[in-house]
Amino acid sequence: MRRKPLFIFLLIMIAGAFTNCEAKNKKITITVLDRKTGTPVEFAVVHMITMKSDYITVIPDSCVTNGKGECRFSVATGEGYGYTVSVRKKDYYQCFSTDPENAFISYRSFSGTPAGKIRLYLDPDSTSLMAYYRSMMPHIRIDSLVMQLKSDQYGIRTGRVMPDLAWTDIPDLLEIGNDRVVITHFPVNPVSSSYQEECYLGIVALWLIESVRITCGNPLMNPVNRYPSMNPLLRDKSEEQVNSGRKQNTPEMMEAAFEAYRSWWENTKQKDIKEACRVNPLEGTGLSW
């Protein structure tokens, strides 16, 4: 009977030890501010992703900011927890930056207990977002771009990403839009899982024109979405061709696509750009990217 109090005491100590090993929760406050004015943004939706060290357990959460631009989350202060917070709101634009020292961004990542206050920013106009997108794309004069493509030297210095192209670049790209020279250095889609070793110069030029069309039609497009397809491949949409091995990138297909884009340009170049972008040059040709 005398051992019972000692037994109970040991149980209490063991339970206490396990309790201390568990992560404790702490409330943190996220503040969302207008990047231009520094004033609080109300009714912004803040998302938080919690990831444990096993990289399998992912816990999403969200809340809406109050009149002070604030919302609160409960986070675990122990080791083995990582967090990412981001914010969105209708009629505002997210702020991104390639500069790690830039504080005016719409997302943060931290682990354990965050140091100091966490502030997220939203922009009332698209200026900073467009600047960020453009910073991710090399700007090459169209004459230099055409020269690099024709000499099969594209991407040696800049990497094989989509260049920053303008509506006015289309005529120069059309000049080589039916060129049968085979090149091995051209823009490639970074999310494509397949490797395309070579391509006709003309098909690459038409692919770039299509990128201009979809980009000018949606100027706030994410850079990854500026690629018309996974690779610069013209495909025959007819069911029998798909079932027989997906006929693609033949000289005949390139010539048909070139005529379609040239006709599209002649019929739309004097129109409003957004209106022209809504017209698909390959419509009715049986071809697609």
C-alpha atoms as a PDB file:
ATOM      1  CA  MET A   1       0.000   0.000   0.000  1.00  0.00           C
ATOM      2  CA  ARG A   2       2.911   2.333   0.679  1.00  0.00           C
ATOM      3  CA  ARG A   3       4.100   1.993  -2.933  1.00  0.00           C
ATOM      4  CA  LYS A   4       0.873   3.347  -4.421  1.00  0.00           C
ATOM      5  CA  PRO A   5       1.649   7.077  -3.915  1.00  0.00           C
ATOM      6  CA  LEU A   6       5.084   6.579  -5.515  1.00  0.00           C
ATOM      7  CA  PHE A   7       3.495   4.777  -8.488  1.00  0.00           C
ATOM      8  CA  ILE A   8       0.993   7.583  -8.999  1.00  0.00           C
ATOM      9  CA  PHE A   9       3.786  10.161  -8.698  1.00  0.00           C
ATOM     10  CA  LEU A  10       5.784   8.393 -11.428  1.00  0.00           C
ATOM     11  CA  LEU A  11       2.766   8.312 -13.724  1.00  0.00           C
ATOM     12  CA  ILE A  12       2.300  12.044 -13.250  1.00  0.00           C
ATOM     13  CA  MET A  13       5.974  12.698 -14.025  1.00  0.00           C
ATOM     14  CA  ILE A  14       5.881  10.563 -17.181  1.00  0.00           C
ATOM     15  CA  ALA A  15       2.713  12.255 -18.401  1.00  0.00           C
ATOM     16  CA  GLY A  16       4.288  15.620 -17.738  1.00  0.00           C
ATOM     17  CA  ALA A  17       7.377  14.676 -19.717  1.00  0.00           C
ATOM     18  CA  PHE A  18       5.287  13.725 -22.759  1.00  0.00           C
ATOM     19  CA  THR A  19       3.284  16.922 -22.428  1.00  0.00           C
ATOM     20  CA  ASN A  20       6.467  18.990 -22.504  1.00  0.00           C
ATOM     21  CA  CYS A  21       7.617  17.196 -25.669  1.00  0.00           C
ATOM     22  CA  GLU A  22       4.479  18.192 -27.511  1.00  0.00           C
ATOM     23  CA  ALA A  23       4.433  21.414 -29.464  1.00  0.00           C
ATOM     24  CA  LYS A  24       2.684  24.263 -27.736  1.00  0.00           C
ATOM     25  CA  ASN A  25       0.266  26.458 -29.646  1.00  0.00           C
ATOM     26  CA  LYS A  26       0.649  30.191 -29.965  1.00  0.00           C
ATOM     27  CA  LYS A  27      -1.552  32.799 -31.571  1.00  0.00           C
ATOM     28  CA  ILE A  28       0.066  34.874 -34.304  1.00  0.00           C
ATOM     29  CA  THR A  29      -1.366  37.913 -36.051  1.00  0.00           C
ATOM     30  CA  ILE A  30      -1.126  38.503 -39.793  1.00  0.00           C
ATOM     31  CA  THR A  31      -1.595  42.083 -40.967  1.00  0.00           C
ATOM     32  CA  VAL A  32      -2.506  42.856 -44.591  1.00  0.00           C
ATOM     33  CA  LEU A  33      -1.665  46.321 -45.931  1.00  0.00           C
ATOM     34  CA  ASP A  34      -2.182  48.262 -49.146  1.00  0.00           C
ATOM     35  CA  ARG A  35       1.229  48.493 -50.805  1.00  0.00           C
ATOM     36  CA  LYS A  36       0.607  51.980 -52.162  1.00  0.00           C
ATOM     37  CA  THR A  37      -0.911  53.657 -49.080  1.00  0.00           C
ATOM     38  CA  GLY A  38       0.152  51.413 -46.202  1.00  0.00           C
ATOM     39  CA  THR A  39      -3.441  51.316 -44.946  1.00  0.00           C
ATOM     40  CA  PRO A  40      -5.114  48.114 -43.658  1.00  0.00           C
ATOM     41  CA  VAL A  41      -6.949  45.940 -46.173  1.00  0.00           C
ATOM     42  CA  GLU A  42     -10.231  44.592 -44.834  1.00  0.00           C
ATOM     43  CA  PHE A  43     -11.935  41.390 -46.047  1.00  0.00           C
ATOM     44  CA  ALA A  44      -8.710  39.983 -47.525  1.00  0.00           C
ATOM     45  CA  VAL A  45      -8.494  36.186 -47.422  1.00  0.00           C
ATOM     46  CA  VAL A  46      -5.309  34.920 -45.793  1.00  0.00           C
ATOM     47  CA  HIS A  47      -4.343  31.288 -46.383  1.00  0.00           C
ATOM     48  CA  MET A  48      -1.944  29.400 -44.147  1.00  0.00           C
ATOM     49  CA  ILE A  49      -0.417  26.008 -44.932  1.00  0.00           C
ATOM     50  CA  THR A  50       1.085  24.031 -42.063  1.00  0.00           C
ATOM     51  CA  MET A  51       3.537  21.281 -42.964  1.00  0.00           C
ATOM     52  CA  LYS A  52       5.072  18.862 -40.489  1.00  0.00           C
ATOM     53  CA  SER A  53       8.613  17.608 -40.827  1.00  0.00           C
ATOM     54  CA  ASP A  54       7.419  14.321 -42.339  1.00  0.00           C
ATOM     55  CA  TYR A  55       6.478  16.383 -45.458  1.00  0.00           C
ATOM     56  CA  ILE A  56       3.294  14.342 -45.663  1.00  0.00           C
ATOM     57  CA  THR A  57       1.049  16.043 -43.126  1.00  0.00           C
ATOM     58  CA  VAL A  58      -0.238  19.257 -44.700  1.00  0.00           C
ATOM     59  CA  ILE A  59      -2.904  21.288 -42.923  1.00  0.00           C
ATOM     60  CA  PRO A  60      -4.617  24.184 -44.753  1.00  0.00           C
ATOM     61  CA  ASP A  61      -6.385  27.005 -42.928  1.00  0.00           C
ATOM     62  CA  SER A  62      -7.738  30.435 -43.833  1.00  0.00           C
ATOM     63  CA  CYS A  63      -9.313  33.515 -42.293  1.00  0.00           C
ATOM     64  CA  VAL A  64     -10.572  36.947 -43.339  1.00  0.00           C
ATOM     65  CA  THR A  65      -9.003  40.204 -42.166  1.00  0.00           C
ATOM     66  CA  ASN A  66     -10.920  42.621 -39.957  1.00  0.00           C
ATOM     67  CA  GLY A  67     -11.121  46.409 -40.132  1.00  0.00           C
ATOM     68  CA  LYS A  68      -7.514  46.661 -38.940  1.00  0.00           C
ATOM     69  CA  GLY A  69      -6.381  44.368 -41.727  1.00  0.00           C
ATOM     70  CA  GLU A  70      -5.652  41.642 -39.179  1.00  0.00           C
ATOM     71  CA  CYS A  71      -6.457  37.975 -38.705  1.00  0.00           C
ATOM     72  CA  ARG A  72      -5.095  35.404 -36.254  1.00  0.00           C
ATOM     73  CA  PHE A  73      -3.887  31.832 -36.549  1.00  0.00           C
ATOM     74  CA  SER A  74      -2.840  29.244 -34.008  1.00  0.00           C
ATOM     75  CA  VAL A  75       0.612  27.782 -34.721  1.00  0.00           C
ATOM     76  CA  ALA A  76       2.735  25.148 -33.007  1.00  0.00           C
ATOM     77  CA  THR A  77       5.943  26.579 -31.559  1.00  0.00           C
ATOM     78  CA  GLY A  78       7.821  23.276 -31.380  1.00  0.00           C
ATOM     79  CA  GLU A  79      10.339  21.978 -33.872  1.00  0.00           C
ATOM     80  CA  GLY A  80       9.237  20.144 -36.999  1.00  0.00           C
ATOM     81  CA  TYR A  81       6.591  22.600 -38.192  1.00  0.00           C
ATOM     82  CA  GLY A  82       6.792  24.872 -41.227  1.00  0.00           C
ATOM     83  CA  TYR A  83       4.294  27.502 -42.356  1.00  0.00           C
ATOM     84  CA  THR A  84       3.470  29.455 -45.482  1.00  0.00           C
ATOM     85  CA  VAL A  85       0.981  32.332 -45.486  1.00  0.00           C
ATOM     86  CA  SER A  86      -0.371  34.172 -48.517  1.00  0.00           C
ATOM     87  CA  VAL A  87      -3.174  36.629 -49.206  1.00  0.00           C
ATOM     88  CA  ARG A  88      -5.663  37.422 -51.943  1.00  0.00           C
ATOM     89  CA  LYS A  89      -8.534  39.835 -52.444  1.00  0.00           C
ATOM     90  CA  LYS A  90     -10.747  40.710 -55.372  1.00  0.00           C
ATOM     91  CA  ASP A  91      -9.702  43.909 -57.190  1.00  0.00           C
ATOM     92  CA  TYR A  92      -6.208  43.681 -55.670  1.00  0.00           C
ATOM     93  CA  TYR A  93      -3.071  42.147 -57.144  1.00  0.00           C
ATOM     94  CA  GLN A  94      -0.559  39.965 -55.358  1.00  0.00           C
ATOM     95  CA  CYS A  95       2.984  41.264 -54.884  1.00  0.00           C
ATOM     96  CA  PHE A  96       5.945  39.035 -55.750  1.00  0.00           C
ATOM     97  CA  SER A  97       9.665  39.676 -55.901  1.00  0.00           C
ATOM     98  CA  THR A  98      12.877  37.871 -56.775  1.00  0.00           C
ATOM     99  CA  ASP A  99      14.676  39.992 -54.152  1.00  0.00           C
ATOM    100  CA  PRO A 100      14.727  38.128 -50.790  1.00  0.00           C
ATOM    101  CA  GLU A 101      15.094  41.472 -48.980  1.00  0.00           C
ATOM    102  CA  ASN A 102      11.905  42.886 -50.465  1.00  0.00           C
ATOM    103  CA  ALA A 103       9.333  43.213 -47.663  1.00  0.00           C
ATOM    104  CA  PHE A 104       6.419  44.220 -49.899  1.00  0.00           C
ATOM    105  CA  ILE A 105       5.212  40.777 -50.890  1.00  0.00           C
ATOM    106  CA  SER A 106       2.012  38.758 -50.538  1.00  0.00           C
ATOM    107  CA  TYR A 107       3.504  35.609 -49.043  1.00  0.00           C
ATOM    108  CA  ARG A 108       5.775  34.542 -46.184  1.00  0.00           C
ATOM    109  CA  SER A 109       7.303  31.277 -45.010  1.00  0.00           C
ATOM    110  CA  PHE A 110       8.556  30.573 -41.505  1.00  0.00           C
ATOM    111  CA  SER A 111       9.152  27.738 -39.061  1.00  0.00           C
ATOM    112  CA  GLY A 112       8.733  27.499 -35.314  1.00  0.00           C
ATOM    113  CA  THR A 113       7.781  30.794 -33.713  1.00  0.00           C
ATOM    114  CA  PRO A 114       7.873  33.705 -36.193  1.00  0.00           C
ATOM    115  CA  ALA A 115      10.091  36.600 -35.218  1.00  0.00           C
ATOM    116  CA  GLY A 116       8.251  39.918 -35.088  1.00  0.00           C
ATOM    117  CA  LYS A 117       5.036  40.833 -36.838  1.00  0.00           C
ATOM    118  CA  ILE A 118       4.052  39.289 -40.133  1.00  0.00           C
ATOM    119  CA  ARG A 119       2.862  41.776 -42.731  1.00  0.00           C
ATOM    120  CA  LEU A 120       1.530  40.870 -46.144  1.00  0.00           C
ATOM    121  CA  TYR A 121       0.866  43.348 -48.945  1.00  0.00           C
ATOM    122  CA  LEU A 122      -1.601  43.685 -51.792  1.00  0.00           C
ATOM    123  CA  ASP A 123      -1.356  46.132 -54.673  1.00  0.00           C
ATOM    124  CA  PRO A 124      -4.376  48.099 -55.955  1.00  0.00           C
ATOM    125  CA  ASP A 125      -2.948  48.109 -59.493  1.00  0.00           C
ATOM    126  CA  SER A 126      -0.999  45.677 -61.643  1.00  0.00           C
ATOM    127  CA  THR A 127       2.211  47.700 -62.098  1.00  0.00           C
ATOM    128  CA  SER A 128       4.397  45.748 -59.682  1.00  0.00           C
ATOM    129  CA  LEU A 129       2.961  42.400 -60.782  1.00  0.00           C
ATOM    130  CA  MET A 130       3.745  43.114 -64.421  1.00  0.00           C
ATOM    131  CA  ALA A 131       7.248  44.245 -63.492  1.00  0.00           C
ATOM    132  CA  TYR A 132       7.759  40.963 -61.662  1.00  0.00           C
ATOM    133  CA  TYR A 133       6.517  38.917 -64.603  1.00  0.00           C
ATOM    134  CA  ARG A 134       8.759  40.789 -67.017  1.00  0.00           C
ATOM    135  CA  SER A 135      11.779  40.311 -64.743  1.00  0.00           C
ATOM    136  CA  MET A 136      11.369  36.556 -65.252  1.00  0.00           C
ATOM    137  CA  MET A 137      11.468  36.819 -69.041  1.00  0.00           C
ATOM    138  CA  PRO A 138      14.477  37.901 -71.136  1.00  0.00           C
ATOM    139  CA  HIS A 139      13.867  40.962 -73.287  1.00  0.00           C
ATOM    140  CA  ILE A 140      15.518  40.511 -76.672  1.00  0.00           C
ATOM    141  CA  ARG A 141      15.144  42.843 -79.629  1.00  0.00           C
ATOM    142  CA  ILE A 142      13.198  41.102 -82.345  1.00  0.00           C
ATOM    143  CA  ASP A 143      16.017  41.365 -84.907  1.00  0.00           C
ATOM    144  CA  SER A 144      18.435  39.796 -82.420  1.00  0.00           C
ATOM    145  CA  LEU A 145      15.885  37.109 -81.540  1.00  0.00           C
ATOM    146  CA  VAL A 146      15.370  36.159 -85.186  1.00  0.00           C
ATOM    147  CA  MET A 147      19.133  36.074 -85.723  1.00  0.00           C
ATOM    148  CA  GLN A 148      19.635  33.803 -82.710  1.00  0.00           C
ATOM    149  CA  LEU A 149      16.907  31.440 -83.879  1.00  0.00           C
ATOM    150  CA  LYS A 150      18.183  31.299 -87.472  1.00  0.00           C
ATOM    151  CA  SER A 151      21.760  30.636 -86.316  1.00  0.00           C
ATOM    152  CA  ASP A 152      20.517  28.023 -83.807  1.00  0.00           C
ATOM    153  CA  GLN A 153      21.989  29.958 -80.888  1.00  0.00           C
ATOM    154  CA  TYR A 154      18.869  30.833 -78.893  1.00  0.00           C
ATOM    155  CA  GLY A 155      19.050  30.449 -75.124  1.00  0.00           C
ATOM    156  CA  ILE A 156      22.811  29.953 -74.829  1.00  0.00           C
ATOM    157  CA  ARG A 157      23.058  33.041 -72.598  1.00  0.00           C
ATOM    158  CA  THR A 158      19.515  33.597 -71.387  1.00  0.00           C
ATOM    159  CA  GLY A 159      18.277  30.037 -70.996  1.00  0.00           C
ATOM    160  CA  ARG A 160      15.591  28.487 -73.189  1.00  0.00           C
ATOM    161  CA  VAL A 161      12.657  30.374 -71.685  1.00  0.00           C
ATOM    162  CA  MET A 162       9.966  32.291 -73.527  1.00  0.00           C
ATOM    163  CA  PRO A 163      11.254  35.762 -74.493  1.00  0.00           C
ATOM    164  CA  ASP A 164       9.328  38.937 -73.766  1.00  0.00           C
ATOM    165  CA  LEU A 165       7.511  39.562 -77.059  1.00  0.00           C
ATOM    166  CA  ALA A 166       5.270  42.375 -78.267  1.00  0.00           C
ATOM    167  CA  TRP A 167       2.396  42.676 -80.741  1.00  0.00           C
ATOM    168  CA  THR A 168       4.670  44.593 -83.110  1.00  0.00           C
ATOM    169  CA  ASP A 169       7.057  41.613 -83.301  1.00  0.00           C
ATOM    170  CA  ILE A 170       4.565  39.479 -85.233  1.00  0.00           C
ATOM    171  CA  PRO A 171       5.549  40.621 -88.791  1.00  0.00           C
ATOM    172  CA  ASP A 172       9.212  39.715 -88.181  1.00  0.00           C
ATOM    173  CA  LEU A 173       8.215  36.307 -86.853  1.00  0.00           C
ATOM    174  CA  LEU A 174       5.963  35.749 -89.870  1.00  0.00           C
ATOM    175  CA  GLU A 175       8.981  36.340 -92.118  1.00  0.00           C
ATOM    176  CA  ILE A 176      10.402  33.035 -90.895  1.00  0.00           C
ATOM    177  CA  GLY A 177       7.048  31.353 -90.251  1.00  0.00           C
ATOM    178  CA  ASN A 178       7.448  28.808 -93.060  1.00  0.00           C
ATOM    179  CA  ASP A 179      11.203  28.227 -92.829  1.00  0.00           C
ATOM    180  CA  ARG A 180      12.186  24.539 -93.070  1.00  0.00           C
ATOM    181  CA  VAL A 181      15.579  24.944 -91.413  1.00  0.00           C
ATOM    182  CA  VAL A 182      15.810  22.499 -88.501  1.00  0.00           C
ATOM    183  CA  ILE A 183      17.039  24.004 -85.227  1.00  0.00           C
ATOM    184  CA  THR A 184      17.841  22.489 -81.831  1.00  0.00           C
ATOM    185  CA  HIS A 185      17.941  25.643 -79.668  1.00  0.00           C
ATOM    186  CA  PHE A 186      14.541  27.244 -79.098  1.00  0.00           C
ATOM    187  CA  PRO A 187      12.232  28.165 -76.187  1.00  0.00           C
ATOM    188  CA  VAL A 188      10.918  25.211 -74.215  1.00  0.00           C
ATOM    189  CA  ASN A 189       8.114  25.012 -71.699  1.00  0.00           C
ATOM    190  CA  PRO A 190       9.635  24.533 -68.208  1.00  0.00           C
ATOM    191  CA  VAL A 191       6.690  22.389 -67.050  1.00  0.00           C
ATOM    192  CA  SER A 192       6.909  19.954 -69.960  1.00  0.00           C
ATOM    193  CA  SER A 193       7.934  16.421 -69.002  1.00  0.00           C
ATOM    194  CA  SER A 194       9.006  15.522 -72.553  1.00  0.00           C
ATOM    195  CA  TYR A 195      12.149  16.612 -74.370  1.00  0.00           C
ATOM    196  CA  GLN A 196      11.900  17.883 -77.936  1.00  0.00           C
ATOM    197  CA  GLU A 197      15.275  17.640 -79.599  1.00  0.00           C
ATOM    198  CA  GLU A 198      14.610  19.586 -82.799  1.00  0.00           C
ATOM    199  CA  CYS A 199      12.020  21.606 -84.651  1.00  0.00           C
ATOM    200  CA  TYR A 200      11.486  23.502 -87.878  1.00  0.00           C
ATOM    201  CA  LEU A 201      12.388  27.156 -87.496  1.00  0.00           C
ATOM    202  CA  GLY A 202       9.025  28.113 -88.991  1.00  0.00           C
ATOM    203  CA  ILE A 203       7.045  26.139 -86.425  1.00  0.00           C
ATOM    204  CA  VAL A 204       8.981  27.771 -83.578  1.00  0.00           C
ATOM    205  CA  ALA A 205       8.207  31.206 -85.066  1.00  0.00           C
ATOM    206  CA  LEU A 206       4.480  30.391 -85.329  1.00  0.00           C
ATOM    207  CA  TRP A 207       4.538  29.081 -81.743  1.00  0.00           C
ATOM    208  CA  LEU A 208       6.004  32.403 -80.629  1.00  0.00           C
ATOM    209  CA  ILE A 209       3.288  34.283 -82.543  1.00  0.00           C
ATOM    210  CA  GLU A 210       0.671  32.214 -80.734  1.00  0.00           C
ATOM    211  CA  SER A 211       2.320  33.174 -77.445  1.00  0.00           C
ATOM    212  CA  VAL A 212       1.986  36.843 -78.396  1.00  0.00           C
ATOM    213  CA  ARG A 213      -1.691  36.303 -79.227  1.00  0.00           C
ATOM    214  CA  ILE A 214      -2.595  34.663 -75.922  1.00  0.00           C
ATOM    215  CA  THR A 215      -0.423  37.062 -73.923  1.00  0.00           C
ATOM    216  CA  CYS A 216      -1.753  40.286 -75.416  1.00  0.00           C
ATOM    217  CA  GLY A 217      -5.258  38.942 -74.930  1.00  0.00           C
ATOM    218  CA  ASN A 218      -4.515  38.454 -71.215  1.00  0.00           C
ATOM    219  CA  PRO A 219      -1.679  40.779 -70.143  1.00  0.00           C
ATOM    220  CA  LEU A 220      -1.763  39.606 -66.488  1.00  0.00           C
ATOM    221  CA  MET A 221      -0.993  36.040 -67.487  1.00  0.00           C
ATOM    222  CA  ASN A 222       1.480  34.077 -65.391  1.00  0.00           C
ATOM    223  CA  PRO A 223       4.740  33.550 -67.373  1.00  0.00           C
ATOM    224  CA  VAL A 224       4.274  29.772 -67.397  1.00  0.00           C
ATOM    225  CA  ASN A 225       0.921  30.197 -69.165  1.00  0.00           C
ATOM    226  CA  ARG A 226       2.530  32.181 -71.991  1.00  0.00           C
ATOM    227  CA  TYR A 227       3.551  28.909 -73.599  1.00  0.00           C
ATOM    228  CA  PRO A 228       0.857  27.831 -76.104  1.00  0.00           C
ATOM    229  CA  SER A 229       1.532  24.145 -75.364  1.00  0.00           C
ATOM    230  CA  MET A 230       4.003  21.824 -73.682  1.00  0.00           C
ATOM    231  CA  ASN A 231       6.266  21.981 -76.749  1.00  0.00           C
ATOM    232  CA  PRO A 232       6.248  23.696 -80.174  1.00  0.00           C
ATOM    233  CA  LEU A 233       4.347  20.866 -81.815  1.00  0.00           C
ATOM    234  CA  LEU A 234       1.637  21.260 -84.433  1.00  0.00           C
ATOM    235  CA  ARG A 235      -0.851  18.412 -84.194  1.00  0.00           C
ATOM    236  CA  ASP A 236      -3.505  17.067 -86.525  1.00  0.00           C
ATOM    237  CA  LYS A 237      -6.745  17.085 -84.519  1.00  0.00           C
ATOM    238  CA  SER A 238      -8.517  14.470 -86.623  1.00  0.00           C
ATOM    239  CA  GLU A 239      -9.352  11.372 -84.620  1.00  0.00           C
ATOM    240  CA  GLU A 240      -7.857   8.951 -87.101  1.00  0.00           C
ATOM    241  CA  GLN A 241      -4.506  10.733 -86.975  1.00  0.00           C
ATOM    242  CA  VAL A 242      -4.499  10.793 -83.177  1.00  0.00           C
ATOM    243  CA  ASN A 243      -5.190   7.075 -83.045  1.00  0.00           C
ATOM    244  CA  SER A 244      -2.491   6.299 -85.579  1.00  0.00           C
ATOM    245  CA  GLY A 245       0.380   7.902 -83.700  1.00  0.00           C
ATOM    246  CA  ARG A 246      -0.381  11.641 -83.578  1.00  0.00           C
ATOM    247  CA  LYS A 247       0.935  13.048 -86.808  1.00  0.00           C
ATOM    248  CA  GLN A 248       2.732  16.276 -85.989  1.00  0.00           C
ATOM    249  CA  ASN A 249       5.196  18.921 -87.213  1.00  0.00           C
ATOM    250  CA  THR A 250       5.259  17.905 -90.870  1.00  0.00           C
ATOM    251  CA  PRO A 251       6.271  20.463 -93.523  1.00  0.00           C
ATOM    252  CA  GLU A 252       2.712  20.348 -94.890  1.00  0.00           C
ATOM    253  CA  MET A 253       1.265  21.142 -91.471  1.00  0.00           C
ATOM    254  CA  MET A 254       3.720  24.000 -91.026  1.00  0.00           C
ATOM    255  CA  GLU A 255       2.773  25.477 -94.407  1.00  0.00           C
ATOM    256  CA  ALA A 256      -0.955  25.229 -93.630  1.00  0.00           C
ATOM    257  CA  ALA A 257      -0.450  26.845 -90.209  1.00  0.00           C
ATOM    258  CA  PHE A 258       1.718  29.580 -91.731  1.00  0.00           C
ATOM    259  CA  GLU A 259      -0.981  30.472 -94.258  1.00  0.00           C
ATOM    260  CA  ALA A 260      -3.554  30.538 -91.442  1.00  0.00           C
ATOM    261  CA  TYR A 261      -1.460  32.888 -89.284  1.00  0.00           C
ATOM    262  CA  ARG A 262      -0.591  35.118 -92.225  1.00  0.00           C
ATOM    263  CA  SER A 263      -4.263  35.415 -93.163  1.00  0.00           C
ATOM    264  CA  TRP A 264      -5.184  36.074 -89.523  1.00  0.00           C
ATOM    265  CA  TRP A 265      -2.607  38.844 -89.287  1.00  0.00           C
ATOM    266  CA  GLU A 266      -3.727  40.534 -92.508  1.00  0.00           C
ATOM    267  CA  ASN A 267      -7.352  40.484 -91.316  1.00  0.00           C
ATOM    268  CA  THR A 268      -6.755  41.594 -87.737  1.00  0.00           C
ATOM    269  CA  LYS A 269      -3.660  43.803 -87.585  1.00  0.00           C
ATOM    270  CA  GLN A 270      -5.727  46.972 -87.973  1.00  0.00           C
ATOM    271  CA  LYS A 271      -8.279  45.910 -85.369  1.00  0.00           C
ATOM    272  CA  ASP A 272      -8.264  46.425 -81.628  1.00  0.00           C
ATOM    273  CA  ILE A 273      -5.589  44.132 -80.185  1.00  0.00           C
ATOM    274  CA  LYS A 274      -7.861  42.436 -77.656  1.00  0.00           C
ATOM    275  CA  GLU A 275     -10.443  41.828 -80.373  1.00  0.00           C
ATOM    276  CA  ALA A 276      -7.785  40.379 -82.673  1.00  0.00           C
ATOM    277  CA  CYS A 277      -6.493  38.110 -79.912  1.00  0.00           C
ATOM    278  CA  ARG A 278      -9.897  36.490 -79.549  1.00  0.00           C
ATOM    279  CA  VAL A 279      -9.629  35.070 -83.082  1.00  0.00           C
ATOM    280  CA  ASN A 280      -7.917  31.688 -83.207  1.00  0.00           C
ATOM    281  CA  PRO A 281      -5.804  31.542 -86.407  1.00  0.00           C
ATOM    282  CA  LEU A 282      -5.964  27.732 -86.504  1.00  0.00           C
ATOM    283  CA  GLU A 283      -9.739  27.581 -86.277  1.00  0.00           C
ATOM    284  CA  GLY A 284     -11.053  25.402 -89.106  1.00  0.00           C
ATOM    285  CA  THR A 285      -7.608  24.160 -90.174  1.00  0.00           C
ATOM    286  CA  GLY A 286      -7.770  20.840 -88.324  1.00  0.00           C
ATOM    287  CA  LEU A 287      -4.541  21.788 -86.567  1.00  0.00           C
ATOM    288  CA  SER A 288      -3.776  22.685 -82.968  1.00  0.00           C
ATOM    289  CA  TRP A 289      -0.849  23.245 -80.644  1.00  0.00           C
END
